[in-house]
Amino acid sequence: MKRLDPEAARKIAPADEQKLIRAVEVCILARKPISEVHTTGRVPLEGWSILKVGLIPPREKLNERIHARTDAMLEHGWMGEVQALLESGLSEDSKPFDFIGYRELRAVLRGEIALEKARESIQQATRRYAKRQLTWFRKEPGVRWFSGFGDDANVQASVFEWLQTAGL
């Protein structure tokens, strides 16, 4: 990275392997430094209107869905998926074990923690991730926010009504 783009190399943490690999890929594919790619930008889309819709579900209901999804994933073979990854010879410091739940389920399979403890840890980590996502997206300019979930018919009707008033 230092050879391809010294400026980008200074900005990317040496331990951030994923960003370094992506930066090298962009440099090679674009045939120019990634810092130049970022500063020149791209030609804006013409003939399109960009409308951003954001959803803010009630925290308690979001947490309920997070818990239910974790349970459903466990019931539908998540543990077996982790077991298969381990049996495949995949390095234990490989990318899948960075994702929420995989590290915890690996610890269960090793007998280091109980499944219930892993479930609680996964749910807590997912709740924290959802909170970080919301914090991140709240900073996004031009978003029209709606309270609720996207599968709620009332929320869908509100979004559709807004789109109609926006001229779409």
N, C-alpha and C. Protein backbone atom coordinates (compact mmCIF):
# COMPACT_ATOMS: atom_id res chain seq x y z
N MET A 1 0.84 -1.18 0.00
CA MET A 1 0.00 0.00 0.00
C MET A 1 0.88 1.24 0.00
N LYS A 2 1.97 1.21 0.77
CA LYS A 2 2.87 2.36 0.81
C LYS A 2 3.43 2.68 -0.57
N ARG A 3 3.69 1.65 -1.35
CA ARG A 3 4.23 1.87 -2.70
C ARG A 3 3.15 2.38 -3.65
N LEU A 4 1.95 1.83 -3.56
CA LEU A 4 0.87 2.20 -4.48
C LEU A 4 0.27 3.56 -4.16
N ASP A 5 0.14 3.87 -2.87
CA ASP A 5 -0.50 5.12 -2.46
C ASP A 5 -0.07 5.48 -1.04
N PRO A 6 1.07 6.19 -0.91
CA PRO A 6 1.58 6.54 0.42
C PRO A 6 0.57 7.32 1.27
N GLU A 7 -0.21 8.20 0.62
CA GLU A 7 -1.19 9.00 1.35
C GLU A 7 -2.25 8.10 2.00
N ALA A 8 -2.80 7.18 1.24
CA ALA A 8 -3.80 6.25 1.77
C ALA A 8 -3.18 5.34 2.82
N ALA A 9 -1.95 4.92 2.60
CA ALA A 9 -1.27 4.04 3.55
C ALA A 9 -1.14 4.70 4.92
N ARG A 10 -0.94 6.02 4.93
CA ARG A 10 -0.85 6.74 6.21
C ARG A 10 -2.19 6.80 6.92
N LYS A 11 -3.28 6.78 6.18
CA LYS A 11 -4.62 6.93 6.76
C LYS A 11 -5.24 5.60 7.21
N ILE A 12 -4.78 4.50 6.64
CA ILE A 12 -5.35 3.19 6.97
C ILE A 12 -4.48 2.53 8.03
N ALA A 13 -5.13 2.11 9.10
CA ALA A 13 -4.39 1.45 10.19
C ALA A 13 -3.74 0.17 9.68
N PRO A 14 -2.49 -0.06 10.04
CA PRO A 14 -1.80 -1.27 9.58
C PRO A 14 -2.52 -2.56 9.95
N ALA A 15 -3.26 -2.55 11.03
CA ALA A 15 -3.98 -3.76 11.46
C ALA A 15 -5.30 -3.96 10.71
N ASP A 16 -5.74 -2.95 9.95
CA ASP A 16 -7.02 -3.04 9.25
C ASP A 16 -6.81 -3.74 7.91
N GLU A 17 -6.65 -5.05 8.00
CA GLU A 17 -6.32 -5.86 6.83
C GLU A 17 -7.37 -5.73 5.72
N GLN A 18 -8.63 -5.70 6.08
CA GLN A 18 -9.70 -5.64 5.09
C GLN A 18 -9.61 -4.35 4.28
N LYS A 19 -9.41 -3.21 4.94
CA LYS A 19 -9.31 -1.93 4.22
C LYS A 19 -8.05 -1.88 3.37
N LEU A 20 -6.97 -2.43 3.87
CA LEU A 20 -5.72 -2.45 3.10
C LEU A 20 -5.87 -3.26 1.81
N ILE A 21 -6.48 -4.43 1.95
CA ILE A 21 -6.69 -5.28 0.77
C ILE A 21 -7.58 -4.57 -0.24
N ARG A 22 -8.67 -3.98 0.24
CA ARG A 22 -9.59 -3.28 -0.66
C ARG A 22 -8.89 -2.10 -1.33
N ALA A 23 -8.07 -1.36 -0.59
CA ALA A 23 -7.37 -0.22 -1.16
C ALA A 23 -6.40 -0.68 -2.26
N VAL A 24 -5.70 -1.76 -2.03
CA VAL A 24 -4.78 -2.30 -3.05
C VAL A 24 -5.58 -2.72 -4.28
N GLU A 25 -6.72 -3.38 -4.07
CA GLU A 25 -7.56 -3.80 -5.20
C GLU A 25 -8.01 -2.60 -6.03
N VAL A 26 -8.46 -1.53 -5.36
CA VAL A 26 -8.92 -0.34 -6.07
C VAL A 26 -7.77 0.29 -6.85
N CYS A 27 -6.62 0.39 -6.22
CA CYS A 27 -5.45 0.96 -6.91
C CYS A 27 -5.12 0.18 -8.18
N ILE A 28 -5.15 -1.12 -8.08
CA ILE A 28 -4.81 -1.96 -9.23
C ILE A 28 -5.88 -1.85 -10.32
N LEU A 29 -7.14 -1.95 -9.93
CA LEU A 29 -8.23 -1.90 -10.91
C LEU A 29 -8.38 -0.52 -11.55
N ALA A 30 -8.22 0.54 -10.76
CA ALA A 30 -8.39 1.90 -11.28
C ALA A 30 -7.12 2.40 -11.97
N ARG A 31 -6.02 1.71 -11.72
CA ARG A 31 -4.72 2.11 -12.26
C ARG A 31 -4.30 3.50 -11.80
N LYS A 32 -4.72 3.82 -10.58
CA LYS A 32 -4.31 5.07 -9.94
C LYS A 32 -4.50 4.94 -8.44
N PRO A 33 -3.88 5.80 -7.65
CA PRO A 33 -3.99 5.72 -6.19
C PRO A 33 -5.44 5.86 -5.73
N ILE A 34 -5.78 5.13 -4.69
CA ILE A 34 -7.15 5.20 -4.17
C ILE A 34 -7.47 6.60 -3.63
N SER A 35 -6.47 7.30 -3.10
CA SER A 35 -6.71 8.66 -2.62
C SER A 35 -7.13 9.57 -3.77
N GLU A 36 -6.60 9.32 -4.96
CA GLU A 36 -7.01 10.09 -6.14
C GLU A 36 -8.43 9.71 -6.56
N VAL A 37 -8.74 8.43 -6.48
CA VAL A 37 -10.10 7.96 -6.80
C VAL A 37 -11.10 8.65 -5.88
N HIS A 38 -10.77 8.74 -4.59
CA HIS A 38 -11.68 9.36 -3.63
C HIS A 38 -11.83 10.86 -3.86
N THR A 39 -10.78 11.55 -4.23
CA THR A 39 -10.86 13.01 -4.38
C THR A 39 -11.52 13.42 -5.69
N THR A 40 -11.37 12.61 -6.74
CA THR A 40 -11.99 12.98 -8.02
C THR A 40 -13.47 12.66 -8.03
N GLY A 41 -13.90 11.75 -7.20
CA GLY A 41 -15.32 11.40 -7.14
C GLY A 41 -15.78 10.74 -8.42
N ARG A 42 -17.07 10.86 -8.69
CA ARG A 42 -17.61 10.26 -9.90
C ARG A 42 -18.68 11.17 -10.47
N VAL A 43 -19.02 10.93 -11.69
CA VAL A 43 -20.04 11.73 -12.36
C VAL A 43 -21.38 11.45 -11.70
N PRO A 44 -22.09 12.51 -11.29
CA PRO A 44 -23.38 12.28 -10.64
C PRO A 44 -24.40 11.68 -11.61
N LEU A 45 -25.32 10.92 -11.06
CA LEU A 45 -26.38 10.34 -11.87
C LEU A 45 -27.29 11.46 -12.37
N GLU A 46 -27.68 11.35 -13.61
CA GLU A 46 -28.60 12.34 -14.17
C GLU A 46 -29.94 11.68 -14.42
N GLY A 47 -31.01 12.44 -14.23
CA GLY A 47 -32.33 11.92 -14.48
C GLY A 47 -32.91 11.11 -13.33
N TRP A 48 -32.27 11.19 -12.16
CA TRP A 48 -32.73 10.44 -11.01
C TRP A 48 -32.91 11.39 -9.83
N SER A 49 -33.91 11.13 -9.04
CA SER A 49 -34.09 11.83 -7.77
C SER A 49 -33.77 10.86 -6.66
N ILE A 50 -32.94 11.28 -5.75
CA ILE A 50 -32.58 10.40 -4.65
C ILE A 50 -33.41 10.77 -3.43
N LEU A 51 -34.13 9.80 -2.95
CA LEU A 51 -34.92 9.97 -1.74
C LEU A 51 -34.45 8.92 -0.74
N LYS A 52 -34.21 9.35 0.47
CA LYS A 52 -33.71 8.44 1.49
C LYS A 52 -34.78 8.23 2.55
N VAL A 53 -35.08 6.98 2.81
CA VAL A 53 -36.07 6.61 3.81
C VAL A 53 -35.35 5.91 4.96
N GLY A 54 -35.61 6.36 6.17
CA GLY A 54 -35.05 5.72 7.35
C GLY A 54 -36.16 5.24 8.27
N LEU A 55 -35.93 4.12 8.90
CA LEU A 55 -36.92 3.54 9.82
C LEU A 55 -36.36 3.53 11.23
N ILE A 56 -37.17 3.97 12.17
CA ILE A 56 -36.79 3.93 13.58
C ILE A 56 -37.84 3.13 14.33
N PRO A 57 -37.60 1.84 14.50
CA PRO A 57 -38.57 1.04 15.25
C PRO A 57 -38.43 1.29 16.74
N PRO A 58 -39.49 1.04 17.50
CA PRO A 58 -39.38 1.17 18.96
C PRO A 58 -38.29 0.23 19.48
N ARG A 59 -37.45 0.73 20.34
CA ARG A 59 -36.30 -0.03 20.83
C ARG A 59 -36.70 -1.39 21.40
N GLU A 60 -37.76 -1.41 22.21
CA GLU A 60 -38.19 -2.67 22.83
C GLU A 60 -38.60 -3.70 21.78
N LYS A 61 -39.32 -3.25 20.76
CA LYS A 61 -39.76 -4.16 19.69
C LYS A 61 -38.57 -4.61 18.86
N LEU A 62 -37.62 -3.72 18.62
CA LEU A 62 -36.41 -4.09 17.89
C LEU A 62 -35.65 -5.16 18.65
N ASN A 63 -35.51 -4.97 19.96
CA ASN A 63 -34.82 -5.97 20.78
C ASN A 63 -35.53 -7.32 20.74
N GLU A 64 -36.85 -7.30 20.75
CA GLU A 64 -37.62 -8.54 20.66
C GLU A 64 -37.31 -9.27 19.35
N ARG A 65 -37.23 -8.51 18.26
CA ARG A 65 -36.94 -9.11 16.96
C ARG A 65 -35.51 -9.65 16.90
N ILE A 66 -34.60 -8.92 17.50
CA ILE A 66 -33.21 -9.38 17.55
C ILE A 66 -33.13 -10.71 18.29
N HIS A 67 -33.81 -10.79 19.42
CA HIS A 67 -33.80 -12.02 20.22
C HIS A 67 -34.45 -13.17 19.45
N ALA A 68 -35.58 -12.90 18.81
CA ALA A 68 -36.28 -13.94 18.05
C ALA A 68 -35.43 -14.40 16.86
N ARG A 69 -34.76 -13.49 16.21
CA ARG A 69 -33.91 -13.87 15.06
C ARG A 69 -32.74 -14.72 15.52
N THR A 70 -32.12 -14.36 16.62
CA THR A 70 -31.02 -15.17 17.15
C THR A 70 -31.51 -16.58 17.44
N ASP A 71 -32.66 -16.69 18.10
CA ASP A 71 -33.22 -18.00 18.42
C ASP A 71 -33.52 -18.79 17.14
N ALA A 72 -34.10 -18.13 16.15
CA ALA A 72 -34.43 -18.81 14.89
C ALA A 72 -33.17 -19.30 14.18
N MET A 73 -32.13 -18.49 14.18
CA MET A 73 -30.88 -18.90 13.54
C MET A 73 -30.27 -20.11 14.24
N LEU A 74 -30.35 -20.11 15.56
CA LEU A 74 -29.83 -21.26 16.31
C LEU A 74 -30.67 -22.51 16.03
N GLU A 75 -31.99 -22.34 15.94
CA GLU A 75 -32.88 -23.47 15.68
C GLU A 75 -32.71 -24.02 14.26
N HIS A 76 -32.24 -23.17 13.35
CA HIS A 76 -32.13 -23.58 11.95
C HIS A 76 -30.69 -23.92 11.53
N GLY A 77 -29.86 -24.29 12.50
CA GLY A 77 -28.58 -24.86 12.13
C GLY A 77 -27.35 -23.98 12.20
N TRP A 78 -27.43 -22.86 12.88
CA TRP A 78 -26.27 -21.97 12.98
C TRP A 78 -25.09 -22.69 13.63
N MET A 79 -25.36 -23.45 14.68
CA MET A 79 -24.30 -24.18 15.37
C MET A 79 -23.63 -25.16 14.41
N GLY A 80 -24.42 -25.83 13.59
CA GLY A 80 -23.87 -26.76 12.60
C GLY A 80 -23.00 -26.05 11.58
N GLU A 81 -23.39 -24.85 11.20
CA GLU A 81 -22.59 -24.06 10.27
C GLU A 81 -21.22 -23.75 10.86
N VAL A 82 -21.20 -23.35 12.13
CA VAL A 82 -19.93 -23.04 12.80
C VAL A 82 -19.09 -24.31 12.92
N GLN A 83 -19.73 -25.42 13.27
CA GLN A 83 -19.03 -26.71 13.36
C GLN A 83 -18.39 -27.07 12.02
N ALA A 84 -19.14 -26.88 10.94
CA ALA A 84 -18.62 -27.19 9.60
C ALA A 84 -17.44 -26.29 9.25
N LEU A 85 -17.50 -25.04 9.63
CA LEU A 85 -16.37 -24.13 9.39
C LEU A 85 -15.12 -24.61 10.11
N LEU A 86 -15.31 -25.01 11.37
CA LEU A 86 -14.18 -25.50 12.16
C LEU A 86 -13.61 -26.79 11.55
N GLU A 87 -14.49 -27.68 11.14
CA GLU A 87 -14.06 -28.95 10.58
C GLU A 87 -13.42 -28.80 9.20
N SER A 88 -13.72 -27.70 8.51
CA SER A 88 -13.18 -27.49 7.16
C SER A 88 -11.70 -27.13 7.19
N GLY A 89 -11.19 -26.85 8.39
CA GLY A 89 -9.79 -26.47 8.50
C GLY A 89 -9.57 -24.97 8.38
N LEU A 90 -10.66 -24.23 8.33
CA LEU A 90 -10.59 -22.78 8.25
C LEU A 90 -9.85 -22.24 9.47
N SER A 91 -8.95 -21.32 9.25
CA SER A 91 -8.19 -20.73 10.35
C SER A 91 -9.14 -20.06 11.33
N GLU A 92 -8.85 -20.20 12.60
CA GLU A 92 -9.74 -19.63 13.62
C GLU A 92 -9.67 -18.11 13.71
N ASP A 93 -8.71 -17.51 13.02
CA ASP A 93 -8.67 -16.05 12.98
C ASP A 93 -9.15 -15.53 11.63
N SER A 94 -9.86 -16.39 10.87
CA SER A 94 -10.39 -15.98 9.58
C SER A 94 -11.66 -15.14 9.76
N LYS A 95 -12.07 -14.49 8.68
CA LYS A 95 -13.15 -13.51 8.71
C LYS A 95 -14.46 -14.00 9.35
N PRO A 96 -14.95 -15.19 9.04
CA PRO A 96 -16.24 -15.59 9.64
C PRO A 96 -16.26 -15.49 11.16
N PHE A 97 -15.13 -15.72 11.80
CA PHE A 97 -15.12 -15.69 13.25
C PHE A 97 -15.05 -14.27 13.81
N ASP A 98 -15.04 -13.27 12.92
CA ASP A 98 -15.14 -11.88 13.34
C ASP A 98 -16.60 -11.43 13.44
N PHE A 99 -17.50 -12.18 12.80
CA PHE A 99 -18.91 -11.79 12.76
C PHE A 99 -19.60 -12.14 14.07
N ILE A 100 -20.59 -11.34 14.40
CA ILE A 100 -21.35 -11.56 15.63
C ILE A 100 -21.89 -12.99 15.64
N GLY A 101 -21.63 -13.69 16.74
CA GLY A 101 -22.17 -15.01 16.96
C GLY A 101 -21.20 -16.15 16.68
N TYR A 102 -20.37 -16.02 15.69
CA TYR A 102 -19.49 -17.12 15.30
C TYR A 102 -18.44 -17.40 16.38
N ARG A 103 -17.86 -16.37 16.92
CA ARG A 103 -16.86 -16.55 17.98
C ARG A 103 -17.50 -17.20 19.20
N GLU A 104 -18.70 -16.73 19.54
CA GLU A 104 -19.41 -17.26 20.71
C GLU A 104 -19.78 -18.73 20.51
N LEU A 105 -20.28 -19.06 19.33
CA LEU A 105 -20.67 -20.45 19.07
C LEU A 105 -19.45 -21.37 18.98
N ARG A 106 -18.35 -20.84 18.52
CA ARG A 106 -17.10 -21.62 18.53
C ARG A 106 -16.72 -21.94 19.98
N ALA A 107 -16.90 -20.96 20.88
CA ALA A 107 -16.59 -21.20 22.30
C ALA A 107 -17.52 -22.26 22.89
N VAL A 108 -18.78 -22.29 22.46
CA VAL A 108 -19.71 -23.33 22.92
C VAL A 108 -19.23 -24.70 22.46
N LEU A 109 -18.86 -24.79 21.21
CA LEU A 109 -18.40 -26.07 20.66
C LEU A 109 -17.12 -26.56 21.35
N ARG A 110 -16.33 -25.65 21.82
CA ARG A 110 -15.11 -26.01 22.54
C ARG A 110 -15.38 -26.33 24.01
N GLY A 111 -16.61 -26.08 24.46
CA GLY A 111 -16.95 -26.32 25.86
C GLY A 111 -16.51 -25.21 26.80
N GLU A 112 -16.20 -24.04 26.25
CA GLU A 112 -15.72 -22.92 27.06
C GLU A 112 -16.86 -22.14 27.71
N ILE A 113 -18.02 -22.10 27.05
CA ILE A 113 -19.19 -21.43 27.61
C ILE A 113 -20.43 -22.24 27.28
N ALA A 114 -21.49 -21.98 28.03
CA ALA A 114 -22.77 -22.66 27.80
C ALA A 114 -23.51 -21.97 26.65
N LEU A 115 -24.36 -22.71 25.98
CA LEU A 115 -25.12 -22.17 24.86
C LEU A 115 -25.95 -20.96 25.30
N GLU A 116 -26.58 -21.03 26.47
CA GLU A 116 -27.41 -19.90 26.93
C GLU A 116 -26.58 -18.63 27.09
N LYS A 117 -25.37 -18.76 27.61
CA LYS A 117 -24.47 -17.61 27.76
C LYS A 117 -24.10 -17.06 26.38
N ALA A 118 -23.83 -17.96 25.43
CA ALA A 118 -23.51 -17.52 24.07
C ALA A 118 -24.70 -16.79 23.45
N ARG A 119 -25.90 -17.34 23.64
CA ARG A 119 -27.11 -16.71 23.10
C ARG A 119 -27.25 -15.28 23.64
N GLU A 120 -27.07 -15.12 24.94
CA GLU A 120 -27.17 -13.79 25.56
C GLU A 120 -26.10 -12.84 25.01
N SER A 121 -24.90 -13.35 24.83
CA SER A 121 -23.81 -12.52 24.30
C SER A 121 -24.09 -12.09 22.86
N ILE A 122 -24.61 -13.02 22.07
CA ILE A 122 -24.95 -12.72 20.68
C ILE A 122 -26.04 -11.67 20.61
N GLN A 123 -27.05 -11.84 21.44
CA GLN A 123 -28.16 -10.88 21.45
C GLN A 123 -27.69 -9.50 21.89
N GLN A 124 -26.85 -9.46 22.91
CA GLN A 124 -26.33 -8.17 23.38
C GLN A 124 -25.47 -7.51 22.31
N ALA A 125 -24.60 -8.27 21.68
CA ALA A 125 -23.74 -7.71 20.64
C ALA A 125 -24.57 -7.20 19.46
N THR A 126 -25.63 -7.91 19.13
CA THR A 126 -26.49 -7.50 18.02
C THR A 126 -27.26 -6.23 18.38
N ARG A 127 -27.72 -6.13 19.62
CA ARG A 127 -28.41 -4.91 20.07
C ARG A 127 -27.46 -3.71 19.97
N ARG A 128 -26.23 -3.91 20.40
CA ARG A 128 -25.24 -2.83 20.33
C ARG A 128 -24.95 -2.44 18.89
N TYR A 129 -24.87 -3.43 18.02
CA TYR A 129 -24.61 -3.17 16.60
C TYR A 129 -25.77 -2.37 15.99
N ALA A 130 -26.99 -2.75 16.32
CA ALA A 130 -28.16 -2.03 15.82
C ALA A 130 -28.15 -0.58 16.30
N LYS A 131 -27.76 -0.36 17.54
CA LYS A 131 -27.68 1.00 18.07
C LYS A 131 -26.62 1.81 17.33
N ARG A 132 -25.46 1.19 17.06
CA ARG A 132 -24.40 1.89 16.32
C ARG A 132 -24.87 2.23 14.90
N GLN A 133 -25.61 1.31 14.28
CA GLN A 133 -26.12 1.58 12.94
C GLN A 133 -27.06 2.78 12.95
N LEU A 134 -27.96 2.81 13.90
CA LEU A 134 -28.91 3.91 13.98
C LEU A 134 -28.18 5.23 14.22
N THR A 135 -27.20 5.22 15.12
CA THR A 135 -26.41 6.42 15.38
C THR A 135 -25.72 6.88 14.09
N TRP A 136 -25.17 5.95 13.35
CA TRP A 136 -24.47 6.26 12.09
C TRP A 136 -25.45 6.86 11.08
N PHE A 137 -26.58 6.21 10.86
CA PHE A 137 -27.51 6.66 9.83
C PHE A 137 -28.23 7.95 10.21
N ARG A 138 -28.36 8.23 11.48
CA ARG A 138 -28.99 9.51 11.88
C ARG A 138 -28.18 10.70 11.41
N LYS A 139 -26.88 10.50 11.19
CA LYS A 139 -26.02 11.58 10.71
C LYS A 139 -26.17 11.81 9.20
N GLU A 140 -26.80 10.88 8.52
CA GLU A 140 -26.96 10.97 7.07
C GLU A 140 -27.92 12.11 6.71
N PRO A 141 -27.48 13.05 5.89
CA PRO A 141 -28.37 14.16 5.53
C PRO A 141 -29.47 13.74 4.57
N GLY A 142 -30.59 14.41 4.65
CA GLY A 142 -31.67 14.23 3.69
C GLY A 142 -32.53 13.00 3.87
N VAL A 143 -32.47 12.37 5.03
CA VAL A 143 -33.27 11.17 5.27
C VAL A 143 -34.63 11.58 5.81
N ARG A 144 -35.68 10.98 5.29
CA ARG A 144 -37.03 11.15 5.84
C ARG A 144 -37.27 9.95 6.75
N TRP A 145 -37.39 10.22 8.04
CA TRP A 145 -37.49 9.16 9.04
C TRP A 145 -38.94 8.81 9.33
N PHE A 146 -39.19 7.52 9.49
CA PHE A 146 -40.51 7.01 9.85
C PHE A 146 -40.35 6.10 11.06
N SER A 147 -41.32 6.17 11.98
CA SER A 147 -41.29 5.33 13.17
C SER A 147 -41.92 3.99 12.87
N GLY A 148 -41.19 2.92 13.14
CA GLY A 148 -41.73 1.58 12.96
C GLY A 148 -40.85 0.73 12.08
N PHE A 149 -41.38 -0.45 11.73
CA PHE A 149 -40.69 -1.43 10.89
C PHE A 149 -41.22 -1.35 9.46
N GLY A 150 -40.40 -1.75 8.52
CA GLY A 150 -40.78 -1.73 7.12
C GLY A 150 -41.85 -2.73 6.74
N ASP A 151 -42.09 -3.73 7.58
CA ASP A 151 -43.14 -4.71 7.26
C ASP A 151 -44.49 -4.31 7.86
N ASP A 152 -44.56 -3.14 8.49
CA ASP A 152 -45.80 -2.62 9.07
C ASP A 152 -46.59 -1.91 7.96
N ALA A 153 -47.82 -2.33 7.73
CA ALA A 153 -48.64 -1.75 6.66
C ALA A 153 -48.83 -0.24 6.84
N ASN A 154 -48.94 0.22 8.08
CA ASN A 154 -49.11 1.66 8.32
C ASN A 154 -47.85 2.43 7.95
N VAL A 155 -46.70 1.88 8.25
CA VAL A 155 -45.43 2.52 7.88
C VAL A 155 -45.31 2.53 6.36
N GLN A 156 -45.63 1.43 5.72
CA GLN A 156 -45.57 1.37 4.26
C GLN A 156 -46.49 2.42 3.64
N ALA A 157 -47.70 2.57 4.19
CA ALA A 157 -48.64 3.56 3.67
C ALA A 157 -48.09 4.97 3.85
N SER A 158 -47.47 5.24 5.00
CA SER A 158 -46.89 6.57 5.25
C SER A 158 -45.75 6.87 4.28
N VAL A 159 -44.91 5.89 4.03
CA VAL A 159 -43.81 6.07 3.09
C VAL A 159 -44.37 6.31 1.69
N PHE A 160 -45.34 5.50 1.29
CA PHE A 160 -45.94 5.65 -0.03
C PHE A 160 -46.57 7.03 -0.19
N GLU A 161 -47.26 7.49 0.84
CA GLU A 161 -47.88 8.82 0.81
C GLU A 161 -46.81 9.90 0.65
N TRP A 162 -45.72 9.77 1.39
CA TRP A 162 -44.62 10.72 1.29
C TRP A 162 -44.01 10.72 -0.12
N LEU A 163 -43.84 9.52 -0.68
CA LEU A 163 -43.29 9.42 -2.04
C LEU A 163 -44.21 10.12 -3.05
N GLN A 164 -45.51 9.98 -2.86
CA GLN A 164 -46.45 10.63 -3.77
C GLN A 164 -46.36 12.15 -3.66
N THR A 165 -46.23 12.67 -2.45
CA THR A 165 -46.11 14.12 -2.28
C THR A 165 -44.76 14.63 -2.76
N ALA A 166 -43.76 13.74 -2.83
CA ALA A 166 -42.45 14.12 -3.32
C ALA A 166 -42.42 14.08 -4.85
N GLY A 167 -43.54 13.71 -5.46
CA GLY A 167 -43.63 13.72 -6.90
C GLY A 167 -43.26 12.41 -7.58
N LEU A 168 -43.29 11.33 -6.82
CA LEU A 168 -42.96 10.03 -7.43
C LEU A 168 -44.17 9.14 -7.50
